[in-house]
C-alpha atoms as a PDB file:
ATOM      1  CA  UNK A   1     -89.470 -59.286  62.619  1.00  0.00           C
ATOM      2  CA  UNK A   2     -88.781 -55.288  61.556  1.00  0.00           C
ATOM      3  CA  UNK A   3     -85.427 -56.694  60.449  1.00  0.00           C
ATOM      4  CA  UNK A   4     -86.865 -59.352  58.379  1.00  0.00           C
ATOM      5  CA  UNK A   5     -89.795 -56.993  56.717  1.00  0.00           C
ATOM      6  CA  UNK A   6     -86.755 -54.498  55.705  1.00  0.00           C
ATOM      7  CA  UNK A   7     -84.927 -56.960  54.253  1.00  0.00           C
ATOM      8  CA  UNK A   8     -87.531 -58.217  52.070  1.00  0.00           C
ATOM      9  CA  UNK A   9     -88.430 -54.658  51.389  1.00  0.00           C
ATOM     10  CA  UNK A  10     -84.782 -54.316  50.230  1.00  0.00           C
ATOM     11  CA  UNK A  11     -85.029 -57.408  47.921  1.00  0.00           C
ATOM     12  CA  UNK A  12     -87.696 -56.385  46.274  1.00  0.00           C
ATOM     13  CA  UNK A  13     -86.370 -52.926  45.958  1.00  0.00           C
ATOM     14  CA  UNK A  14     -82.996 -54.528  44.041  1.00  0.00           C
ATOM     15  CA  UNK A  15     -85.559 -56.712  42.213  1.00  0.00           C
ATOM     16  CA  UNK A  16     -87.331 -53.788  40.737  1.00  0.00           C
ATOM     17  CA  UNK A  17     -84.048 -51.689  39.990  1.00  0.00           C
ATOM     18  CA  UNK A  18     -82.560 -54.360  38.322  1.00  0.00           C
ATOM     19  CA  UNK A  19     -85.743 -54.483  36.016  1.00  0.00           C
ATOM     20  CA  UNK A  20     -85.786 -51.378  35.169  1.00  0.00           C
ATOM     21  CA  UNK A  21     -82.262 -50.947  34.439  1.00  0.00           C
ATOM     22  CA  UNK A  22     -81.399 -53.815  32.033  1.00  0.00           C
ATOM     23  CA  UNK A  23     -84.030 -56.539  33.066  1.00  0.00           C
ATOM     24  CA  UNK A  24     -83.538 -59.463  35.664  1.00  0.00           C
ATOM     25  CA  UNK A  25     -80.895 -62.057  34.662  1.00  0.00           C
ATOM     26  CA  UNK A  26     -81.216 -66.221  35.596  1.00  0.00           C
ATOM     27  CA  UNK A  27     -78.802 -65.078  38.428  1.00  0.00           C
ATOM     28  CA  UNK A  28     -80.543 -62.027  39.770  1.00  0.00           C
ATOM     29  CA  UNK A  29     -83.733 -64.212  39.614  1.00  0.00           C
ATOM     30  CA  UNK A  30     -82.637 -67.132  41.150  1.00  0.00           C
ATOM     31  CA  UNK A  31     -80.595 -65.144  43.952  1.00  0.00           C
ATOM     32  CA  UNK A  32     -83.883 -62.857  44.537  1.00  0.00           C
ATOM     33  CA  UNK A  33     -86.326 -65.781  44.688  1.00  0.00           C
ATOM     34  CA  UNK A  34     -83.707 -67.817  47.186  1.00  0.00           C
ATOM     35  CA  UNK A  35     -83.676 -65.040  49.393  1.00  0.00           C
ATOM     36  CA  UNK A  36     -87.375 -64.330  49.243  1.00  0.00           C
ATOM     37  CA  UNK A  37     -88.131 -67.729  50.012  1.00  0.00           C
ATOM     38  CA  UNK A  38     -85.850 -67.745  53.068  1.00  0.00           C
ATOM     39  CA  UNK A  39     -87.250 -65.058  54.594  1.00  0.00           C
ATOM     40  CA  UNK A  40     -90.852 -66.498  53.948  1.00  0.00           C
ATOM     41  CA  UNK A  41     -89.384 -69.911  55.843  1.00  0.00           C
ATOM     42  CA  UNK A  42     -87.868 -67.946  58.414  1.00  0.00           C
ATOM     43  CA  UNK A  43     -91.146 -65.862  59.283  1.00  0.00           C
ATOM     44  CA  UNK A  44     -92.900 -68.916  59.295  1.00  0.00           C
ATOM     45  CA  UNK A  45     -90.719 -70.536  61.700  1.00  0.00           C
ATOM     46  CA  UNK A  46     -90.868 -67.228  64.151  1.00  0.00           C
ATOM     47  CA  UNK A  47     -94.244 -67.107  63.880  1.00  0.00           C
ATOM     48  CA  UNK A  48     -94.933 -70.875  64.877  1.00  0.00           C
ATOM     49  CA  UNK A  49     -92.514 -70.117  67.730  1.00  0.00           C
ATOM     50  CA  UNK A  50     -94.283 -67.019  69.044  1.00  0.00           C
ATOM     51  CA  UNK A  51     -97.621 -69.150  68.679  1.00  0.00           C
ATOM     52  CA  UNK A  52     -96.109 -72.007  70.912  1.00  0.00           C
ATOM     53  CA  UNK A  53     -94.863 -69.331  73.605  1.00  0.00           C
ATOM     54  CA  UNK A  54     -98.302 -67.502  73.692  1.00  0.00           C
ATOM     55  CA  UNK A  55    -100.093 -70.813  74.356  1.00  0.00           C
ATOM     56  CA  UNK A  56     -97.863 -71.520  76.941  1.00  0.00           C
ATOM     57  CA  UNK A  57     -98.958 -68.026  78.516  1.00  0.00           C
ATOM     58  CA  UNK A  58    -102.294 -69.269  78.000  1.00  0.00           C
ATOM     59  CA  UNK A  59    -101.994 -71.990  80.049  1.00  0.00           C
ATOM     60  CA  UNK A  60     -99.699 -70.355  82.776  1.00  0.00           C
ATOM     61  CA  UNK A  61    -102.520 -67.956  83.033  1.00  0.00           C
ATOM     62  CA  UNK A  62    -105.369 -70.397  83.348  1.00  0.00           C
ATOM     63  CA  UNK A  63    -103.102 -72.537  86.184  1.00  0.00           C
ATOM     64  CA  UNK A  64    -102.740 -68.674  88.253  1.00  0.00           C
ATOM     65  CA  UNK A  65    -106.466 -67.787  87.778  1.00  0.00           C
ATOM     66  CA  UNK A  66    -107.189 -71.314  89.184  1.00  0.00           C
ATOM     67  CA  UNK A  67    -105.049 -71.000  92.049  1.00  0.00           C
ATOM     68  CA  UNK A  68    -105.521 -67.579  92.908  1.00  0.00           C
ATOM     69  CA  UNK A  69    -109.558 -68.635  92.909  1.00  0.00           C
END
């Protein structure tokens, strides 16, 4: 997760630096937009997987607490 946030920050810094230097061309805008969109979708998928794992752990906890009673 930290790598995803780092890459997002680098992408935004690149966009800001390009904008300050000479403006953002169509190609640069497209590349940055696609990179950010990929990172958003990838993070969303990762969080859905983490939620599913968390739900499985909750179910396991409920079963174990039932067995230990």
